[in-house]
C-alpha atoms as a PDB file:
ATOM      1  CA  MET A   1       7.303 -16.058 -30.176  1.00  0.00           C
ATOM      2  CA  ALA A   2       5.912 -13.719 -27.913  1.00  0.00           C
ATOM      3  CA  ARG A   3       7.613 -13.216 -24.060  1.00  0.00           C
ATOM      4  CA  SER A   4       5.329 -13.744 -21.306  1.00  0.00           C
ATOM      5  CA  LEU A   5       5.530 -10.577 -18.775  1.00  0.00           C
ATOM      6  CA  VAL A   6       4.455 -13.268 -16.138  1.00  0.00           C
ATOM      7  CA  THR A   7       7.774 -13.934 -14.248  1.00  0.00           C
ATOM      8  CA  ASP A   8       9.379 -14.929 -11.132  1.00  0.00           C
ATOM      9  CA  VAL A   9      10.797 -11.592 -10.669  1.00  0.00           C
ATOM     10  CA  TYR A  10       8.603  -8.833 -11.016  1.00  0.00           C
ATOM     11  CA  PRO A  11       4.834  -8.698  -9.261  1.00  0.00           C
ATOM     12  CA  VAL A  12       2.381  -9.761 -11.469  1.00  0.00           C
ATOM     13  CA  ILE A  13      -0.147  -9.169  -8.934  1.00  0.00           C
ATOM     14  CA  ILE A  14      -0.410  -5.009  -8.307  1.00  0.00           C
ATOM     15  CA  PRO A  15      -3.360  -3.510  -5.590  1.00  0.00           C
ATOM     16  CA  VAL A  16      -5.414  -0.681  -7.199  1.00  0.00           C
ATOM     17  CA  LEU A  17      -6.646   1.717  -4.220  1.00  0.00           C
ATOM     18  CA  ARG A  18      -9.045   5.223  -4.774  1.00  0.00           C
ATOM     19  CA  TYR A  19      -8.801   7.679  -2.696  1.00  0.00           C
ATOM     20  CA  ARG A  20     -10.344  10.671  -1.750  1.00  0.00           C
ATOM     21  CA  ASP A  21      -7.117  12.726  -1.904  1.00  0.00           C
ATOM     22  CA  ALA A  22      -5.093  11.073  -3.911  1.00  0.00           C
ATOM     23  CA  THR A  23      -2.422  13.934  -3.448  1.00  0.00           C
ATOM     24  CA  ARG A  24      -2.177  13.636   0.286  1.00  0.00           C
ATOM     25  CA  ALA A  25      -2.016  10.295  -0.220  1.00  0.00           C
ATOM     26  CA  VAL A  26       1.605   9.963  -1.765  1.00  0.00           C
ATOM     27  CA  ASP A  27       2.530  11.856   1.158  1.00  0.00           C
ATOM     28  CA  TRP A  28       1.279   9.946   3.954  1.00  0.00           C
ATOM     29  CA  LEU A  29       2.172   6.626   2.698  1.00  0.00           C
ATOM     30  CA  GLN A  30       5.484   7.417   2.168  1.00  0.00           C
ATOM     31  CA  ALA A  31       5.657   8.875   5.717  1.00  0.00           C
ATOM     32  CA  ALA A  32       3.760   6.099   7.126  1.00  0.00           C
ATOM     33  CA  PHE A  33       4.502   3.381   5.428  1.00  0.00           C
ATOM     34  CA  ASP A  34       8.012   4.105   4.078  1.00  0.00           C
ATOM     35  CA  LEU A  35       6.400   3.333   0.606  1.00  0.00           C
ATOM     36  CA  SER A  36       8.759   4.770  -2.224  1.00  0.00           C
ATOM     37  CA  ILE A  37       7.636   7.162  -5.300  1.00  0.00           C
ATOM     38  CA  GLY A  38       8.011   5.096  -8.932  1.00  0.00           C
ATOM     39  CA  ASP A  39       5.533   7.287 -10.312  1.00  0.00           C
ATOM     40  CA  VAL A  40       2.903  10.110 -10.291  1.00  0.00           C
ATOM     41  CA  VAL A  41       0.796  11.997 -12.429  1.00  0.00           C
ATOM     42  CA  ARG A  42      -0.116  15.362 -12.111  1.00  0.00           C
ATOM     43  CA  ASP A  43      -3.453  17.356 -13.666  1.00  0.00           C
ATOM     44  CA  GLU A  44      -3.055  20.769 -14.278  1.00  0.00           C
ATOM     45  CA  GLN A  45      -3.601  22.118 -11.076  1.00  0.00           C
ATOM     46  CA  GLY A  46      -1.508  19.606  -9.342  1.00  0.00           C
ATOM     47  CA  GLU A  47      -3.625  17.272  -8.079  1.00  0.00           C
ATOM     48  CA  VAL A  48      -2.681  13.016  -8.405  1.00  0.00           C
ATOM     49  CA  THR A  49      -4.801  11.264 -11.213  1.00  0.00           C
ATOM     50  CA  HIS A  50      -2.153   8.051 -10.968  1.00  0.00           C
ATOM     51  CA  ALA A  51      -0.044   7.082  -8.755  1.00  0.00           C
ATOM     52  CA  GLU A  52       2.243   4.133  -8.013  1.00  0.00           C
ATOM     53  CA  MET A  53       4.174   3.603  -4.737  1.00  0.00           C
ATOM     54  CA  GLN A  54       6.539   0.842  -4.303  1.00  0.00           C
ATOM     55  CA  TYR A  55       7.590  -1.215  -1.230  1.00  0.00           C
ATOM     56  CA  GLY A  56      10.566  -3.913  -2.069  1.00  0.00           C
ATOM     57  CA  SER A  57       9.547  -5.627  -5.270  1.00  0.00           C
ATOM     58  CA  GLY A  58       5.525  -4.814  -4.152  1.00  0.00           C
ATOM     59  CA  TRP A  59       3.551  -1.890  -6.019  1.00  0.00           C
ATOM     60  CA  ILE A  60       0.445  -0.668  -5.443  1.00  0.00           C
ATOM     61  CA  MET A  61      -1.611   1.912  -7.755  1.00  0.00           C
ATOM     62  CA  PHE A  62      -4.085   4.337  -6.892  1.00  0.00           C
ATOM     63  CA  GLY A  63      -6.000   7.316  -7.747  1.00  0.00           C
ATOM     64  CA  PRO A  64      -8.826   9.679  -6.705  1.00  0.00           C
ATOM     65  CA  VAL A  65     -12.685   9.002  -6.622  1.00  0.00           C
ATOM     66  CA  GLY A  66     -14.672   9.850  -9.269  1.00  0.00           C
ATOM     67  CA  GLN A  67     -12.047   9.823 -11.545  1.00  0.00           C
ATOM     68  CA  GLN A  68     -13.751   8.750 -15.214  1.00  0.00           C
ATOM     69  CA  SER A  69     -12.550   4.861 -14.721  1.00  0.00           C
ATOM     70  CA  GLU A  70     -13.525   1.192 -14.484  1.00  0.00           C
ATOM     71  CA  TRP A  71     -11.480   1.250 -11.460  1.00  0.00           C
ATOM     72  CA  ASP A  72     -13.182   3.754  -9.191  1.00  0.00           C
ATOM     73  CA  THR A  73     -13.844   1.540  -6.236  1.00  0.00           C
ATOM     74  CA  PRO A  74     -15.039   2.812  -3.283  1.00  0.00           C
ATOM     75  CA  PRO A  75     -12.584   3.962  -0.358  1.00  0.00           C
ATOM     76  CA  ALA A  76     -11.596   1.790   2.430  1.00  0.00           C
ATOM     77  CA  SER A  77     -12.819  -1.434   0.901  1.00  0.00           C
ATOM     78  CA  ALA A  78      -9.646  -2.551   0.237  1.00  0.00           C
ATOM     79  CA  GLY A  79      -7.147  -4.722   2.640  1.00  0.00           C
ATOM     80  CA  ILE A  80      -3.439  -5.097   1.598  1.00  0.00           C
ATOM     81  CA  TYR A  81      -0.865  -7.832   3.163  1.00  0.00           C
ATOM     82  CA  VAL A  82       3.042  -6.280   2.837  1.00  0.00           C
ATOM     83  CA  VAL A  83       5.975  -8.120   3.936  1.00  0.00           C
ATOM     84  CA  VAL A  84       8.321  -6.135   6.408  1.00  0.00           C
ATOM     85  CA  ASP A  85      11.885  -7.028   7.741  1.00  0.00           C
ATOM     86  CA  ASP A  86      11.499  -5.383  11.066  1.00  0.00           C
ATOM     87  CA  VAL A  87       7.216  -4.991  12.213  1.00  0.00           C
ATOM     88  CA  ASP A  88       8.104  -3.514  15.545  1.00  0.00           C
ATOM     89  CA  ALA A  89      10.441  -0.804  13.697  1.00  0.00           C
ATOM     90  CA  HIS A  90       7.672  -0.340  11.154  1.00  0.00           C
ATOM     91  CA  TYR A  91       5.038   0.113  13.714  1.00  0.00           C
ATOM     92  CA  ARG A  92       6.548   2.279  15.393  1.00  0.00           C
ATOM     93  CA  ARG A  93       6.949   4.770  12.002  1.00  0.00           C
ATOM     94  CA  ALA A  94       3.289   4.361  11.161  1.00  0.00           C
ATOM     95  CA  LYS A  95       2.214   5.058  14.480  1.00  0.00           C
ATOM     96  CA  ALA A  96       4.457   8.288  14.885  1.00  0.00           C
ATOM     97  CA  ALA A  97       2.692   9.276  11.653  1.00  0.00           C
ATOM     98  CA  GLY A  98      -0.551   8.827  12.899  1.00  0.00           C
ATOM     99  CA  ALA A  99      -1.617   5.471  11.870  1.00  0.00           C
ATOM    100  CA  GLU A 100      -4.721   4.133  13.189  1.00  0.00           C
ATOM    101  CA  ILE A 101      -3.390   1.210  14.627  1.00  0.00           C
ATOM    102  CA  MET A 102      -5.810  -1.674  14.115  1.00  0.00           C
ATOM    103  CA  TYR A 103      -3.722  -4.365  16.400  1.00  0.00           C
ATOM    104  CA  GLU A 104      -0.597  -4.102  18.053  1.00  0.00           C
ATOM    105  CA  PRO A 105       2.383  -6.365  16.400  1.00  0.00           C
ATOM    106  CA  ARG A 106       1.876  -9.746  17.861  1.00  0.00           C
ATOM    107  CA  ASP A 107       3.388 -13.228  17.423  1.00  0.00           C
ATOM    108  CA  THR A 108       0.818 -15.684  15.706  1.00  0.00           C
ATOM    109  CA  TYR A 109       0.363 -18.967  15.276  1.00  0.00           C
ATOM    110  CA  TYR A 110       2.182 -19.567  12.076  1.00  0.00           C
ATOM    111  CA  GLY A 111       5.217 -17.840  12.736  1.00  0.00           C
ATOM    112  CA  SER A 112       4.915 -14.811  11.252  1.00  0.00           C
ATOM    113  CA  ARG A 113       4.929 -11.097  13.535  1.00  0.00           C
ATOM    114  CA  GLU A 114       2.688  -8.972  12.562  1.00  0.00           C
ATOM    115  CA  TYR A 115       0.344  -5.321  13.347  1.00  0.00           C
ATOM    116  CA  GLY A 116      -2.635  -3.702  11.605  1.00  0.00           C
ATOM    117  CA  ALA A 117      -2.890  -0.180  10.495  1.00  0.00           C
ATOM    118  CA  ARG A 118      -5.425   1.752   8.741  1.00  0.00           C
ATOM    119  CA  ASP A 119      -4.092   4.405   6.180  1.00  0.00           C
ATOM    120  CA  PHE A 120      -5.968   7.973   6.771  1.00  0.00           C
ATOM    121  CA  GLU A 121      -9.041   6.867   4.596  1.00  0.00           C
ATOM    122  CA  GLY A 122      -9.545   3.693   6.365  1.00  0.00           C
ATOM    123  CA  ASN A 123      -8.320   1.378   3.726  1.00  0.00           C
ATOM    124  CA  ALA A 124      -6.618  -1.627   6.063  1.00  0.00           C
ATOM    125  CA  TRP A 125      -2.727  -2.496   5.436  1.00  0.00           C
ATOM    126  CA  SER A 126      -1.438  -5.320   7.556  1.00  0.00           C
ATOM    127  CA  PHE A 127       2.418  -5.521   7.766  1.00  0.00           C
ATOM    128  CA  GLY A 128       4.442  -9.110   8.932  1.00  0.00           C
ATOM    129  CA  THR A 129       6.874 -11.351   8.424  1.00  0.00           C
ATOM    130  CA  TYR A 130       4.863 -13.964   6.808  1.00  0.00           C
ATOM    131  CA  VAL A 131       5.838 -14.737   3.316  1.00  0.00           C
ATOM    132  CA  PRO A 132       3.789 -17.300   1.074  1.00  0.00           C
ATOM    133  CA  LYS A 133       5.274 -20.377  -0.311  1.00  0.00           C
ATOM    134  CA  PRO A 134       5.457 -20.652  -3.968  1.00  0.00           C
END
């Protein structure tokens, strides 16, 4: 019997993004949004061709625009929500790193504290305390 890869332990939905400057994205996402580097694949010139980054148990994958791939979507076409423990501290870090703030930290009617920011290429990110209930 084949073992299922779908579990409650590992993320099974992983957003895939494209960046005009995927090489810059690795450092920027680490500095601004506190993502950790998982795996980075580079070409002979040192440019990023594929990257995996993590925050807690969540992951994103990305690569450069124009890459020969079925995943070649336009930059700034994604929206990502990330659960964080301390929204205000995360907001200060992102703002200090130059993230474009879409909306300041706020309390929502559904009990979450959240803020929104765009990365350096325009993708929308929301960070908050809301956790979907299974």
